[in-house]
Amino acid sequence: MIDHARRQLQIVEKEYLHLIEENVAQDTFYTGVKRRKYPAGARWFWALQAVYAPKGAAIVDNNKEAAE
């Protein structure tokens, strides 16, 4: 039998992803992406029910005036 959680953990280790949030449902992840809660490149792994992103990924800032 295939252990999907183990396979997804191998992907996380191979691609050097880091955990952003645990216990996330798919619809919550989708909403978070639309609201730019997660950085670019963030991925939701269904077997782990967690969101991972590449190291160094930055969250997009909608308020450009505050940054200047």
N, C-alpha and C. Protein backbone atom coordinates (compact mmCIF):
# COMPACT_ATOMS: atom_id res chain seq x y z
N MET A 1 0.84 -1.18 0.00
CA MET A 1 0.00 0.00 0.00
C MET A 1 0.89 1.25 0.00
N ILE A 2 0.45 2.26 -0.70
CA ILE A 2 1.23 3.50 -0.82
C ILE A 2 1.00 4.37 0.41
N ASP A 3 2.10 4.85 0.98
CA ASP A 3 2.01 5.78 2.10
C ASP A 3 2.23 7.19 1.55
N HIS A 4 1.12 7.88 1.29
CA HIS A 4 1.19 9.20 0.67
C HIS A 4 1.86 10.23 1.57
N ALA A 5 1.64 10.13 2.87
CA ALA A 5 2.27 11.08 3.80
C ALA A 5 3.79 10.97 3.73
N ARG A 6 4.30 9.74 3.67
CA ARG A 6 5.75 9.54 3.58
C ARG A 6 6.29 10.09 2.26
N ARG A 7 5.56 9.87 1.17
CA ARG A 7 5.99 10.40 -0.12
C ARG A 7 6.04 11.92 -0.12
N GLN A 8 5.03 12.54 0.48
CA GLN A 8 5.00 14.00 0.51
C GLN A 8 6.10 14.55 1.42
N LEU A 9 6.40 13.87 2.50
CA LEU A 9 7.51 14.29 3.35
C LEU A 9 8.84 14.19 2.60
N GLN A 10 8.99 13.18 1.75
CA GLN A 10 10.20 13.06 0.94
C GLN A 10 10.32 14.23 -0.03
N ILE A 11 9.20 14.67 -0.59
CA ILE A 11 9.21 15.83 -1.48
C ILE A 11 9.63 17.08 -0.71
N VAL A 12 9.08 17.24 0.49
CA VAL A 12 9.42 18.39 1.33
C VAL A 12 10.91 18.42 1.62
N GLU A 13 11.48 17.28 1.99
CA GLU A 13 12.91 17.21 2.29
C GLU A 13 13.75 17.44 1.04
N LYS A 14 13.35 16.86 -0.09
CA LYS A 14 14.12 16.97 -1.32
C LYS A 14 14.16 18.41 -1.85
N GLU A 15 13.05 19.12 -1.70
CA GLU A 15 12.95 20.48 -2.24
C GLU A 15 13.23 21.56 -1.19
N TYR A 16 13.66 21.14 -0.01
CA TYR A 16 14.03 22.06 1.08
C TYR A 16 12.90 23.05 1.40
N LEU A 17 11.70 22.53 1.55
CA LEU A 17 10.56 23.37 1.90
C LEU A 17 10.46 23.47 3.42
N HIS A 18 9.89 24.55 3.91
CA HIS A 18 9.69 24.66 5.35
C HIS A 18 8.21 24.86 5.65
N LEU A 19 7.82 24.40 6.81
CA LEU A 19 6.43 24.40 7.24
C LEU A 19 5.97 25.82 7.54
N ILE A 20 4.81 26.18 7.03
CA ILE A 20 4.22 27.47 7.32
C ILE A 20 3.06 27.31 8.30
N GLU A 21 2.19 26.32 8.03
CA GLU A 21 1.02 26.14 8.87
C GLU A 21 0.55 24.69 8.80
N GLU A 22 0.11 24.15 9.94
CA GLU A 22 -0.41 22.79 10.01
C GLU A 22 -1.93 22.80 10.14
N ASN A 23 -2.52 21.63 9.91
CA ASN A 23 -3.96 21.43 10.03
C ASN A 23 -4.75 22.44 9.21
N VAL A 24 -4.45 22.47 7.93
CA VAL A 24 -5.11 23.39 7.01
C VAL A 24 -5.95 22.58 6.03
N ALA A 25 -7.21 22.93 5.91
CA ALA A 25 -8.09 22.28 4.94
C ALA A 25 -7.84 22.89 3.57
N GLN A 26 -8.27 22.18 2.53
CA GLN A 26 -8.04 22.65 1.17
C GLN A 26 -8.73 23.97 0.91
N ASP A 27 -9.97 24.13 1.34
CA ASP A 27 -10.67 25.38 1.10
C ASP A 27 -10.05 26.54 1.87
N THR A 28 -9.50 26.27 3.04
CA THR A 28 -8.81 27.30 3.81
C THR A 28 -7.53 27.73 3.09
N PHE A 29 -6.81 26.78 2.54
CA PHE A 29 -5.61 27.11 1.77
C PHE A 29 -5.97 27.94 0.54
N TYR A 30 -7.01 27.54 -0.16
CA TYR A 30 -7.44 28.27 -1.35
C TYR A 30 -7.79 29.72 -1.00
N THR A 31 -8.53 29.90 0.08
CA THR A 31 -8.89 31.25 0.52
C THR A 31 -7.65 32.04 0.91
N GLY A 32 -6.71 31.40 1.60
CA GLY A 32 -5.48 32.06 2.00
C GLY A 32 -4.63 32.49 0.82
N VAL A 33 -4.64 31.70 -0.24
CA VAL A 33 -3.89 32.05 -1.45
C VAL A 33 -4.53 33.26 -2.11
N LYS A 34 -5.85 33.28 -2.19
CA LYS A 34 -6.54 34.41 -2.81
C LYS A 34 -6.32 35.70 -2.02
N ARG A 35 -6.21 35.58 -0.71
CA ARG A 35 -6.00 36.76 0.13
C ARG A 35 -4.52 37.06 0.34
N ARG A 36 -3.66 36.28 -0.31
CA ARG A 36 -2.20 36.43 -0.24
C ARG A 36 -1.66 36.29 1.18
N LYS A 37 -2.23 35.33 1.89
CA LYS A 37 -1.76 35.02 3.23
C LYS A 37 -0.46 34.22 3.17
N TYR A 38 -0.31 33.43 2.11
CA TYR A 38 0.85 32.57 1.95
C TYR A 38 1.81 33.16 0.92
N PRO A 39 3.11 32.90 1.06
CA PRO A 39 4.08 33.43 0.09
C PRO A 39 3.97 32.73 -1.26
N ALA A 40 4.56 33.35 -2.26
CA ALA A 40 4.58 32.75 -3.59
C ALA A 40 5.31 31.42 -3.53
N GLY A 41 4.77 30.44 -4.18
CA GLY A 41 5.38 29.12 -4.19
C GLY A 41 4.90 28.21 -3.08
N ALA A 42 4.00 28.68 -2.24
CA ALA A 42 3.47 27.85 -1.15
C ALA A 42 2.65 26.72 -1.74
N ARG A 43 2.76 25.56 -1.11
CA ARG A 43 2.04 24.38 -1.57
C ARG A 43 1.35 23.71 -0.40
N TRP A 44 0.14 23.21 -0.67
CA TRP A 44 -0.63 22.48 0.33
C TRP A 44 -0.51 21.00 0.02
N PHE A 45 -0.08 20.23 1.00
CA PHE A 45 0.04 18.79 0.84
C PHE A 45 -1.14 18.12 1.53
N TRP A 46 -1.98 17.47 0.74
CA TRP A 46 -3.24 16.94 1.25
C TRP A 46 -3.03 15.83 2.26
N ALA A 47 -2.05 14.98 2.09
CA ALA A 47 -1.85 13.87 3.03
C ALA A 47 -1.31 14.38 4.37
N LEU A 48 -0.59 15.49 4.36
CA LEU A 48 -0.03 16.06 5.58
C LEU A 48 -0.95 17.11 6.19
N GLN A 49 -1.90 17.60 5.40
CA GLN A 49 -2.80 18.68 5.82
C GLN A 49 -1.99 19.88 6.33
N ALA A 50 -0.96 20.24 5.54
CA ALA A 50 -0.07 21.33 5.94
C ALA A 50 0.36 22.13 4.72
N VAL A 51 0.77 23.37 4.98
CA VAL A 51 1.25 24.27 3.92
C VAL A 51 2.76 24.42 4.07
N TYR A 52 3.47 24.22 2.98
CA TYR A 52 4.92 24.37 2.95
C TYR A 52 5.28 25.38 1.87
N ALA A 53 6.40 26.07 2.05
CA ALA A 53 6.88 27.03 1.07
C ALA A 53 8.40 26.94 0.97
N PRO A 54 8.96 27.39 -0.15
CA PRO A 54 10.41 27.40 -0.29
C PRO A 54 11.03 28.36 0.73
N LYS A 55 12.21 28.01 1.19
CA LYS A 55 12.90 28.90 2.13
C LYS A 55 13.22 30.21 1.41
N GLY A 56 13.03 31.31 2.10
CA GLY A 56 13.29 32.61 1.54
C GLY A 56 12.13 33.19 0.76
N ALA A 57 11.01 32.47 0.69
CA ALA A 57 9.85 33.01 -0.01
C ALA A 57 9.23 34.11 0.84
N ALA A 58 8.95 35.22 0.21
CA ALA A 58 8.40 36.36 0.94
C ALA A 58 6.93 36.53 0.62
N ILE A 59 6.19 36.96 1.60
CA ILE A 59 4.78 37.24 1.41
C ILE A 59 4.65 38.55 0.63
N VAL A 60 3.79 38.55 -0.36
CA VAL A 60 3.60 39.72 -1.20
C VAL A 60 2.92 40.80 -0.37
N ASP A 61 3.49 42.01 -0.42
CA ASP A 61 2.95 43.13 0.34
C ASP A 61 2.09 43.98 -0.58
N ASN A 62 0.79 44.07 -0.24
CA ASN A 62 -0.14 44.86 -1.06
C ASN A 62 0.03 46.35 -0.83
N ASN A 63 0.57 46.75 0.31
CA ASN A 63 0.69 48.16 0.64
C ASN A 63 2.09 48.64 0.28
N LYS A 64 2.28 49.05 -0.96
CA LYS A 64 3.60 49.47 -1.42
C LYS A 64 4.02 50.81 -0.83
N GLU A 65 3.05 51.66 -0.49
CA GLU A 65 3.38 52.97 0.06
C GLU A 65 4.03 52.85 1.43
N ALA A 66 3.61 51.88 2.22
CA ALA A 66 4.19 51.71 3.55
C ALA A 66 5.64 51.24 3.46
N ALA A 67 5.98 50.53 2.39
CA ALA A 67 7.33 50.01 2.24
C ALA A 67 8.31 51.11 1.83
N GLU A 68 7.81 52.16 1.21
CA GLU A 68 8.71 53.22 0.72
C GLU A 68 9.01 54.24 1.75
